[in-house]
Amino acid sequence: MTDSSDSEPNVRKFPVTSIEKTDPPKGVTEGEWYEYVIGQGTSEIKGKRSGSLKSVTAYVKEYAENLNQRSTLGYSAYAARKPAAKTPAKTPAKT
C-alpha cells in the first residue's frame, strides 16, 4: 500500500477518530460490541458493530477509505449513488 499523502494533499476528509468497546444495543445479549466514529467536526458518522476489535477495526478502516475515495472522485460521500435509469416495460404485440 502506498502513502497517498504526497500526491493527494488533504483528501482524508473522513479519518477514523475512535473505536471503543460499548454495550450491545437493546435486545441483544451476545457478542462484543464497538462504537466507532469516522470524520471530524460536523461531518461525523457514528455507528456500532459487533465482532472482535481486529475485525471491527478492519471494517471501519475500509468504510472510511471508501468514503475518502468517493469524495476524491467527486461523488457525494453523504448520498447513495443514483441507480441506473430504468427501461420502460415492453408491451406485448397485438395479434
PDB file of N, CA and C in Angstrom:
ATOM      1  N   MET A   1       0.834  -1.168   0.000  1.00  0.00           N
ATOM      2  CA  MET A   1       0.000   0.000   0.000  1.00  0.00           C
ATOM      3  C   MET A   1       0.883   1.236   0.000  1.00  0.00           C
ATOM      4  N   THR A   2       0.533   2.215  -0.814  1.00  0.00           N
ATOM      5  CA  THR A   2       1.352   3.409  -0.889  1.00  0.00           C
ATOM      6  C   THR A   2       0.742   4.525  -0.076  1.00  0.00           C
ATOM      7  N   ASP A   3       1.579   5.445   0.333  1.00  0.00           N
ATOM      8  CA  ASP A   3       1.104   6.599   1.079  1.00  0.00           C
ATOM      9  C   ASP A   3       0.652   7.647   0.079  1.00  0.00           C
ATOM     10  N   SER A   4      -0.658   7.948   0.057  1.00  0.00           N
ATOM     11  CA  SER A   4      -1.184   8.876  -0.926  1.00  0.00           C
ATOM     12  C   SER A   4      -1.094  10.325  -0.475  1.00  0.00           C
ATOM     13  N   SER A   5      -0.543  10.577   0.710  1.00  0.00           N
ATOM     14  CA  SER A   5      -0.499  11.935   1.214  1.00  0.00           C
ATOM     15  C   SER A   5       0.421  12.830   0.395  1.00  0.00           C
ATOM     16  N   ASP A   6       1.411  12.250  -0.309  1.00  0.00           N
ATOM     17  CA  ASP A   6       2.312  13.050  -1.123  1.00  0.00           C
ATOM     18  C   ASP A   6       1.635  13.530  -2.398  1.00  0.00           C
ATOM     19  N   SER A   7       0.842  12.669  -3.039  1.00  0.00           N
ATOM     20  CA  SER A   7       0.249  13.010  -4.315  1.00  0.00           C
ATOM     21  C   SER A   7      -1.139  13.633  -4.194  1.00  0.00           C
ATOM     22  N   GLU A   8      -1.841  13.400  -3.100  1.00  0.00           N
ATOM     23  CA  GLU A   8      -3.197  13.915  -2.912  1.00  0.00           C
ATOM     24  C   GLU A   8      -3.289  14.613  -1.560  1.00  0.00           C
ATOM     25  N   PRO A   9      -2.975  15.895  -1.522  1.00  0.00           N
ATOM     26  CA  PRO A   9      -2.968  16.589  -0.239  1.00  0.00           C
ATOM     27  C   PRO A   9      -4.359  16.706   0.369  1.00  0.00           C
ATOM     28  N   ASN A  10      -4.455  16.378   1.645  1.00  0.00           N
ATOM     29  CA  ASN A  10      -5.657  16.589   2.444  1.00  0.00           C
ATOM     30  C   ASN A  10      -6.923  15.942   1.878  1.00  0.00           C
ATOM     31  N   VAL A  11      -6.823  14.707   1.355  1.00  0.00           N
ATOM     32  CA  VAL A  11      -8.019  14.025   0.858  1.00  0.00           C
ATOM     33  C   VAL A  11      -8.669  13.179   1.934  1.00  0.00           C
ATOM     34  N   ARG A  12      -8.066  13.060   3.071  1.00  0.00           N
ATOM     35  CA  ARG A  12      -8.621  12.265   4.162  1.00  0.00           C
ATOM     36  C   ARG A  12      -9.646  13.088   4.936  1.00  0.00           C
ATOM     37  N   LYS A  13     -10.780  13.317   4.323  1.00  0.00           N
ATOM     38  CA  LYS A  13     -11.824  14.097   4.963  1.00  0.00           C
ATOM     39  C   LYS A  13     -12.515  13.306   6.057  1.00  0.00           C
ATOM     40  N   PHE A  14     -12.431  11.988   5.963  1.00  0.00           N
ATOM     41  CA  PHE A  14     -13.128  11.120   6.906  1.00  0.00           C
ATOM     42  C   PHE A  14     -12.144  10.182   7.601  1.00  0.00           C
ATOM     43  N   PRO A  15     -11.373  10.699   8.563  1.00  0.00           N
ATOM     44  CA  PRO A  15     -10.466   9.827   9.305  1.00  0.00           C
ATOM     45  C   PRO A  15     -11.228   9.008  10.348  1.00  0.00           C
ATOM     46  N   VAL A  16     -10.679   7.870  10.708  1.00  0.00           N
ATOM     47  CA  VAL A  16     -11.235   7.095  11.821  1.00  0.00           C
ATOM     48  C   VAL A  16     -10.780   7.810  13.082  1.00  0.00           C
ATOM     49  N   THR A  17     -11.740   8.351  13.844  1.00  0.00           N
ATOM     50  CA  THR A  17     -11.355   9.121  15.028  1.00  0.00           C
ATOM     51  C   THR A  17     -11.436   8.321  16.318  1.00  0.00           C
ATOM     52  N   SER A  18     -12.307   7.283  16.364  1.00  0.00           N
ATOM     53  CA  SER A  18     -12.323   6.450  17.563  1.00  0.00           C
ATOM     54  C   SER A  18     -13.030   5.130  17.316  1.00  0.00           C
ATOM     55  N   ILE A  19     -12.594   4.132  18.054  1.00  0.00           N
ATOM     56  CA  ILE A  19     -13.250   2.820  18.119  1.00  0.00           C
ATOM     57  C   ILE A  19     -13.153   2.408  19.580  1.00  0.00           C
ATOM     58  N   GLU A  20     -14.310   2.288  20.236  1.00  0.00           N
ATOM     59  CA  GLU A  20     -14.333   1.980  21.664  1.00  0.00           C
ATOM     60  C   GLU A  20     -15.346   0.889  21.965  1.00  0.00           C
ATOM     61  N   LYS A  21     -15.004   0.039  22.921  1.00  0.00           N
ATOM     62  CA  LYS A  21     -15.923  -1.009  23.350  1.00  0.00           C
ATOM     63  C   LYS A  21     -17.160  -0.370  23.976  1.00  0.00           C
ATOM     64  N   THR A  22     -18.339  -0.945  23.686  1.00  0.00           N
ATOM     65  CA  THR A  22     -19.591  -0.391  24.185  1.00  0.00           C
ATOM     66  C   THR A  22     -20.557  -1.502  24.546  1.00  0.00           C
ATOM     67  N   ASP A  23     -21.646  -1.144  25.169  1.00  0.00           N
ATOM     68  CA  ASP A  23     -22.702  -2.103  25.492  1.00  0.00           C
ATOM     69  C   ASP A  23     -23.443  -2.484  24.214  1.00  0.00           C
ATOM     70  N   PRO A  24     -23.971  -3.695  24.166  1.00  0.00           N
ATOM     71  CA  PRO A  24     -24.744  -4.091  22.990  1.00  0.00           C
ATOM     72  C   PRO A  24     -26.033  -3.275  22.886  1.00  0.00           C
ATOM     73  N   PRO A  25     -26.598  -3.193  21.679  1.00  0.00           N
ATOM     74  CA  PRO A  25     -27.881  -2.496  21.521  1.00  0.00           C
ATOM     75  C   PRO A  25     -28.965  -3.182  22.346  1.00  0.00           C
ATOM     76  N   LYS A  26     -30.036  -2.467  22.635  1.00  0.00           N
ATOM     77  CA  LYS A  26     -31.145  -3.032  23.414  1.00  0.00           C
ATOM     78  C   LYS A  26     -31.691  -4.261  22.709  1.00  0.00           C
ATOM     79  N   GLY A  27     -31.943  -5.301  23.483  1.00  0.00           N
ATOM     80  CA  GLY A  27     -32.481  -6.532  22.929  1.00  0.00           C
ATOM     81  C   GLY A  27     -31.429  -7.523  22.478  1.00  0.00           C
ATOM     82  N   VAL A  28     -30.170  -7.116  22.448  1.00  0.00           N
ATOM     83  CA  VAL A  28     -29.074  -8.007  22.051  1.00  0.00           C
ATOM     84  C   VAL A  28     -28.306  -8.370  23.307  1.00  0.00           C
ATOM     85  N   THR A  29     -28.098  -9.664  23.499  1.00  0.00           N
ATOM     86  CA  THR A  29     -27.425 -10.097  24.729  1.00  0.00           C
ATOM     87  C   THR A  29     -26.060 -10.732  24.469  1.00  0.00           C
ATOM     88  N   GLU A  30     -25.719 -10.951  23.224  1.00  0.00           N
ATOM     89  CA  GLU A  30     -24.482 -11.665  22.917  1.00  0.00           C
ATOM     90  C   GLU A  30     -23.515 -10.810  22.119  1.00  0.00           C
ATOM     91  N   GLY A  31     -22.250 -11.206  22.202  1.00  0.00           N
ATOM     92  CA  GLY A  31     -21.217 -10.617  21.360  1.00  0.00           C
ATOM     93  C   GLY A  31     -20.540  -9.400  21.963  1.00  0.00           C
ATOM     94  N   GLU A  32     -19.366  -9.120  21.425  1.00  0.00           N
ATOM     95  CA  GLU A  32     -18.633  -7.913  21.781  1.00  0.00           C
ATOM     96  C   GLU A  32     -19.062  -6.823  20.819  1.00  0.00           C
ATOM     97  N   TRP A  33     -19.322  -5.640  21.325  1.00  0.00           N
ATOM     98  CA  TRP A  33     -19.767  -4.527  20.508  1.00  0.00           C
ATOM     99  C   TRP A  33     -18.817  -3.355  20.648  1.00  0.00           C
ATOM    100  N   TYR A  34     -18.623  -2.662  19.527  1.00  0.00           N
ATOM    101  CA  TYR A  34     -17.759  -1.491  19.496  1.00  0.00           C
ATOM    102  C   TYR A  34     -18.508  -0.350  18.824  1.00  0.00           C
ATOM    103  N   GLU A  35     -18.278   0.853  19.336  1.00  0.00           N
ATOM    104  CA  GLU A  35     -18.840   2.054  18.739  1.00  0.00           C
ATOM    105  C   GLU A  35     -17.700   2.767  18.034  1.00  0.00           C
ATOM    106  N   TYR A  36     -17.949   3.230  16.814  1.00  0.00           N
ATOM    107  CA  TYR A  36     -16.899   3.906  16.055  1.00  0.00           C
ATOM    108  C   TYR A  36     -17.365   5.269  15.595  1.00  0.00           C
ATOM    109  N   VAL A  37     -16.386   6.150  15.342  1.00  0.00           N
ATOM    110  CA  VAL A  37     -16.646   7.475  14.799  1.00  0.00           C
ATOM    111  C   VAL A  37     -15.685   7.677  13.635  1.00  0.00           C
ATOM    112  N   ILE A  38     -16.248   8.066  12.506  1.00  0.00           N
ATOM    113  CA  ILE A  38     -15.470   8.391  11.302  1.00  0.00           C
ATOM    114  C   ILE A  38     -15.769   9.844  10.986  1.00  0.00           C
ATOM    115  N   GLY A  39     -14.748  10.624  10.685  1.00  0.00           N
ATOM    116  CA  GLY A  39     -14.945  12.019  10.314  1.00  0.00           C
ATOM    117  C   GLY A  39     -14.483  12.951  11.400  1.00  0.00           C
ATOM    118  N   GLN A  40     -14.795  14.235  11.183  1.00  0.00           N
ATOM    119  CA  GLN A  40     -14.377  15.238  12.145  1.00  0.00           C
ATOM    120  C   GLN A  40     -15.310  16.435  12.071  1.00  0.00           C
ATOM    121  N   GLY A  41     -15.385  17.169  13.151  1.00  0.00           N
ATOM    122  CA  GLY A  41     -16.246  18.352  13.182  1.00  0.00           C
ATOM    123  C   GLY A  41     -17.705  17.992  12.989  1.00  0.00           C
ATOM    124  N   THR A  42     -18.366  18.701  12.087  1.00  0.00           N
ATOM    125  CA  THR A  42     -19.783  18.449  11.834  1.00  0.00           C
ATOM    126  C   THR A  42     -20.008  17.303  10.867  1.00  0.00           C
ATOM    127  N   SER A  43     -18.956  16.752  10.302  1.00  0.00           N
ATOM    128  CA  SER A  43     -19.069  15.629   9.364  1.00  0.00           C
ATOM    129  C   SER A  43     -18.629  14.343  10.047  1.00  0.00           C
ATOM    130  N   GLU A  44     -19.451  13.870  10.971  1.00  0.00           N
ATOM    131  CA  GLU A  44     -19.141  12.642  11.698  1.00  0.00           C
ATOM    132  C   GLU A  44     -20.172  11.569  11.392  1.00  0.00           C
ATOM    133  N   ILE A  45     -19.675  10.359  11.283  1.00  0.00           N
ATOM    134  CA  ILE A  45     -20.532   9.192  11.141  1.00  0.00           C
ATOM    135  C   ILE A  45     -20.261   8.322  12.351  1.00  0.00           C
ATOM    136  N   LYS A  46     -21.314   8.020  13.109  1.00  0.00           N
ATOM    137  CA  LYS A  46     -21.183   7.181  14.297  1.00  0.00           C
ATOM    138  C   LYS A  46     -21.936   5.888  14.045  1.00  0.00           C
ATOM    139  N   GLY A  47     -21.360   4.784  14.485  1.00  0.00           N
ATOM    140  CA  GLY A  47     -22.023   3.508  14.309  1.00  0.00           C
ATOM    141  C   GLY A  47     -21.578   2.506  15.346  1.00  0.00           C
ATOM    142  N   LYS A  48     -22.265   1.369  15.354  1.00  0.00           N
ATOM    143  CA  LYS A  48     -21.909   0.255  16.232  1.00  0.00           C
ATOM    144  C   LYS A  48     -21.765  -0.984  15.377  1.00  0.00           C
ATOM    145  N   ARG A  49     -20.870  -1.861  15.810  1.00  0.00           N
ATOM    146  CA  ARG A  49     -20.641  -3.103  15.080  1.00  0.00           C
ATOM    147  C   ARG A  49     -20.190  -4.166  16.077  1.00  0.00           C
ATOM    148  N   SER A  50     -20.636  -5.384  15.834  1.00  0.00           N
ATOM    149  CA  SER A  50     -20.204  -6.480  16.697  1.00  0.00           C
ATOM    150  C   SER A  50     -19.023  -7.192  16.060  1.00  0.00           C
ATOM    151  N   GLY A  51     -18.243  -7.854  16.920  1.00  0.00           N
ATOM    152  CA  GLY A  51     -17.092  -8.606  16.444  1.00  0.00           C
ATOM    153  C   GLY A  51     -15.888  -8.345  17.332  1.00  0.00           C
ATOM    154  N   SER A  52     -14.776  -8.894  16.911  1.00  0.00           N
ATOM    155  CA  SER A  52     -13.541  -8.645  17.649  1.00  0.00           C
ATOM    156  C   SER A  52     -13.036  -7.245  17.319  1.00  0.00           C
ATOM    157  N   LEU A  53     -12.178  -6.711  18.166  1.00  0.00           N
ATOM    158  CA  LEU A  53     -11.608  -5.390  17.909  1.00  0.00           C
ATOM    159  C   LEU A  53     -10.904  -5.381  16.561  1.00  0.00           C
ATOM    160  N   LYS A  54     -10.212  -6.460  16.236  1.00  0.00           N
ATOM    161  CA  LYS A  54      -9.487  -6.546  14.974  1.00  0.00           C
ATOM    162  C   LYS A  54     -10.435  -6.491  13.777  1.00  0.00           C
ATOM    163  N   SER A  55     -11.540  -7.249  13.825  1.00  0.00           N
ATOM    164  CA  SER A  55     -12.461  -7.272  12.685  1.00  0.00           C
ATOM    165  C   SER A  55     -13.227  -5.952  12.554  1.00  0.00           C
ATOM    166  N   VAL A  56     -13.603  -5.350  13.677  1.00  0.00           N
ATOM    167  CA  VAL A  56     -14.308  -4.073  13.628  1.00  0.00           C
ATOM    168  C   VAL A  56     -13.377  -2.986  13.104  1.00  0.00           C
ATOM    169  N   THR A  57     -12.133  -2.986  13.544  1.00  0.00           N
ATOM    170  CA  THR A  57     -11.154  -2.008  13.076  1.00  0.00           C
ATOM    171  C   THR A  57     -10.951  -2.127  11.571  1.00  0.00           C
ATOM    172  N   ALA A  58     -10.829  -3.354  11.065  1.00  0.00           N
ATOM    173  CA  ALA A  58     -10.661  -3.557   9.622  1.00  0.00           C
ATOM    174  C   ALA A  58     -11.877  -3.030   8.860  1.00  0.00           C
ATOM    175  N   TYR A  59     -13.079  -3.310   9.366  1.00  0.00           N
ATOM    176  CA  TYR A  59     -14.306  -2.838   8.728  1.00  0.00           C
ATOM    177  C   TYR A  59     -14.347  -1.307   8.685  1.00  0.00           C
ATOM    178  N   VAL A  60     -14.064  -0.673   9.816  1.00  0.00           N
ATOM    179  CA  VAL A  60     -14.155   0.781   9.914  1.00  0.00           C
ATOM    180  C   VAL A  60     -13.112   1.449   9.024  1.00  0.00           C
ATOM    181  N   LYS A  61     -11.915   0.896   8.967  1.00  0.00           N
ATOM    182  CA  LYS A  61     -10.872   1.461   8.096  1.00  0.00           C
ATOM    183  C   LYS A  61     -11.280   1.365   6.631  1.00  0.00           C
ATOM    184  N   GLU A  62     -11.859   0.239   6.240  1.00  0.00           N
ATOM    185  CA  GLU A  62     -12.307   0.083   4.853  1.00  0.00           C
ATOM    186  C   GLU A  62     -13.462   1.040   4.545  1.00  0.00           C
ATOM    187  N   TYR A  63     -14.389   1.193   5.484  1.00  0.00           N
ATOM    188  CA  TYR A  63     -15.514   2.107   5.337  1.00  0.00           C
ATOM    189  C   TYR A  63     -15.001   3.535   5.128  1.00  0.00           C
ATOM    190  N   ALA A  64     -14.068   3.972   5.970  1.00  0.00           N
ATOM    191  CA  ALA A  64     -13.506   5.318   5.866  1.00  0.00           C
ATOM    192  C   ALA A  64     -12.764   5.495   4.545  1.00  0.00           C
ATOM    193  N   GLU A  65     -12.034   4.485   4.132  1.00  0.00           N
ATOM    194  CA  GLU A  65     -11.297   4.557   2.867  1.00  0.00           C
ATOM    195  C   GLU A  65     -12.255   4.713   1.689  1.00  0.00           C
ATOM    196  N   ASN A  66     -13.377   3.984   1.718  1.00  0.00           N
ATOM    197  CA  ASN A  66     -14.378   4.111   0.651  1.00  0.00           C
ATOM    198  C   ASN A  66     -14.977   5.512   0.620  1.00  0.00           C
ATOM    199  N   LEU A  67     -15.276   6.073   1.789  1.00  0.00           N
ATOM    200  CA  LEU A  67     -15.798   7.442   1.844  1.00  0.00           C
ATOM    201  C   LEU A  67     -14.784   8.442   1.290  1.00  0.00           C
ATOM    202  N   ASN A  68     -13.525   8.280   1.683  1.00  0.00           N
ATOM    203  CA  ASN A  68     -12.480   9.182   1.200  1.00  0.00           C
ATOM    204  C   ASN A  68     -12.293   9.052  -0.303  1.00  0.00           C
ATOM    205  N   GLN A  69     -12.353   7.845  -0.818  1.00  0.00           N
ATOM    206  CA  GLN A  69     -12.199   7.628  -2.254  1.00  0.00           C
ATOM    207  C   GLN A  69     -13.354   8.268  -3.019  1.00  0.00           C
ATOM    208  N   ARG A  70     -14.573   8.099  -2.529  1.00  0.00           N
ATOM    209  CA  ARG A  70     -15.732   8.700  -3.197  1.00  0.00           C
ATOM    210  C   ARG A  70     -15.621  10.214  -3.233  1.00  0.00           C
ATOM    211  N   SER A  71     -15.176  10.819  -2.131  1.00  0.00           N
ATOM    212  CA  SER A  71     -15.070  12.280  -2.114  1.00  0.00           C
ATOM    213  C   SER A  71     -13.931  12.747  -3.021  1.00  0.00           C
ATOM    214  N   THR A  72     -12.873  11.956  -3.155  1.00  0.00           N
ATOM    215  CA  THR A  72     -11.767  12.297  -4.042  1.00  0.00           C
ATOM    216  C   THR A  72     -12.203  12.240  -5.503  1.00  0.00           C
ATOM    217  N   LEU A  73     -13.067  11.287  -5.832  1.00  0.00           N
ATOM    218  CA  LEU A  73     -13.537  11.123  -7.214  1.00  0.00           C
ATOM    219  C   LEU A  73     -14.660  12.089  -7.571  1.00  0.00           C
ATOM    220  N   GLY A  74     -15.110  12.865  -6.604  1.00  0.00           N
ATOM    221  CA  GLY A  74     -16.138  13.848  -6.880  1.00  0.00           C
ATOM    222  C   GLY A  74     -17.549  13.390  -6.571  1.00  0.00           C
ATOM    223  N   TYR A  75     -17.699  12.182  -6.043  1.00  0.00           N
ATOM    224  CA  TYR A  75     -19.025  11.721  -5.649  1.00  0.00           C
ATOM    225  C   TYR A  75     -19.344  12.257  -4.263  1.00  0.00           C
ATOM    226  N   SER A  76     -20.605  12.427  -3.991  1.00  0.00           N
ATOM    227  CA  SER A  76     -21.007  12.848  -2.658  1.00  0.00           C
ATOM    228  C   SER A  76     -20.775  11.699  -1.696  1.00  0.00           C
ATOM    229  N   ALA A  77     -20.153  11.981  -0.587  1.00  0.00           N
ATOM    230  CA  ALA A  77     -19.936  10.953   0.424  1.00  0.00           C
ATOM    231  C   ALA A  77     -21.157  10.805   1.314  1.00  0.00           C
ATOM    232  N   TYR A  78     -22.136  11.701   1.156  1.00  0.00           N
ATOM    233  CA  TYR A  78     -23.309  11.699   2.014  1.00  0.00           C
ATOM    234  C   TYR A  78     -24.507  10.975   1.414  1.00  0.00           C
ATOM    235  N   ALA A  79     -24.549  10.845   0.101  1.00  0.00           N
ATOM    236  CA  ALA A  79     -25.726  10.254  -0.546  1.00  0.00           C
ATOM    237  C   ALA A  79     -25.328   9.039  -1.367  1.00  0.00           C
ATOM    238  N   ALA A  80     -26.250   8.128  -1.467  1.00  0.00           N
ATOM    239  CA  ALA A  80     -26.010   6.939  -2.293  1.00  0.00           C
ATOM    240  C   ALA A  80     -25.970   7.351  -3.754  1.00  0.00           C
ATOM    241  N   ARG A  81     -25.264   6.573  -4.531  1.00  0.00           N
ATOM    242  CA  ARG A  81     -25.220   6.850  -5.963  1.00  0.00           C
ATOM    243  C   ARG A  81     -26.583   6.588  -6.569  1.00  0.00           C
ATOM    244  N   LYS A  82     -26.889   7.313  -7.628  1.00  0.00           N
ATOM    245  CA  LYS A  82     -28.175   7.138  -8.289  1.00  0.00           C
ATOM    246  C   LYS A  82     -28.192   5.804  -9.012  1.00  0.00           C
ATOM    247  N   PRO A  83     -29.307   5.085  -8.942  1.00  0.00           N
ATOM    248  CA  PRO A  83     -29.396   3.819  -9.668  1.00  0.00           C
ATOM    249  C   PRO A  83     -29.473   4.073 -11.167  1.00  0.00           C
ATOM    250  N   ALA A  84     -29.147   3.072 -11.924  1.00  0.00           N
ATOM    251  CA  ALA A  84     -29.214   3.184 -13.380  1.00  0.00           C
ATOM    252  C   ALA A  84     -30.653   3.465 -13.792  1.00  0.00           C
ATOM    253  N   ALA A  85     -30.802   4.183 -14.903  1.00  0.00           N
ATOM    254  CA  ALA A  85     -32.141   4.516 -15.384  1.00  0.00           C
ATOM    255  C   ALA A  85     -32.898   3.243 -15.734  1.00  0.00           C
ATOM    256  N   LYS A  86     -34.170   3.245 -15.386  1.00  0.00           N
ATOM    257  CA  LYS A  86     -35.000   2.081 -15.671  1.00  0.00           C
ATOM    258  C   LYS A  86     -35.477   2.149 -17.116  1.00  0.00           C
ATOM    259  N   THR A  87     -35.491   1.012 -17.747  1.00  0.00           N
ATOM    260  CA  THR A  87     -36.008   0.967 -19.112  1.00  0.00           C
ATOM    261  C   THR A  87     -37.512   0.738 -19.044  1.00  0.00           C
ATOM    262  N   PRO A  88     -38.260   1.348 -19.955  1.00  0.00           N
ATOM    263  CA  PRO A  88     -39.708   1.164 -19.914  1.00  0.00           C
ATOM    264  C   PRO A  88     -40.079  -0.287 -20.186  1.00  0.00           C
ATOM    265  N   ALA A  89     -41.169  -0.691 -19.577  1.00  0.00           N
ATOM    266  CA  ALA A  89     -41.636  -2.075 -19.761  1.00  0.00           C
ATOM    267  C   ALA A  89     -42.133  -2.255 -21.193  1.00  0.00           C
ATOM    268  N   LYS A  90     -41.823  -3.390 -21.758  1.00  0.00           N
ATOM    269  CA  LYS A  90     -42.289  -3.690 -23.122  1.00  0.00           C
ATOM    270  C   LYS A  90     -43.729  -4.134 -23.071  1.00  0.00           C
ATOM    271  N   THR A  91     -44.493  -3.644 -23.999  1.00  0.00           N
ATOM    272  CA  THR A  91     -45.887  -4.070 -24.080  1.00  0.00           C
ATOM    273  C   THR A  91     -45.982  -5.188 -25.105  1.00  0.00           C
ATOM    274  N   PRO A  92     -46.813  -6.177 -24.849  1.00  0.00           N
ATOM    275  CA  PRO A  92     -46.921  -7.282 -25.799  1.00  0.00           C
ATOM    276  C   PRO A  92     -47.501  -6.807 -27.124  1.00  0.00           C
ATOM    277  N   ALA A  93     -47.018  -7.428 -28.170  1.00  0.00           N
ATOM    278  CA  ALA A  93     -47.501  -7.077 -29.513  1.00  0.00           C
ATOM    279  C   ALA A  93     -48.931  -7.546 -29.687  1.00  0.00           C
ATOM    280  N   LYS A  94     -49.729  -6.728 -30.388  1.00  0.00           N
ATOM    281  CA  LYS A  94     -51.130  -7.102 -30.632  1.00  0.00           C
ATOM    282  C   LYS A  94     -51.180  -8.068 -31.796  1.00  0.00           C
ATOM    283  N   THR A  95     -52.013  -9.063 -31.679  1.00  0.00           N
ATOM    284  CA  THR A  95     -52.129 -10.047 -32.768  1.00  0.00           C
ATOM    285  C   THR A  95     -53.462  -9.986 -33.443  1.00  0.00           C
TER     286      THR A  95
END
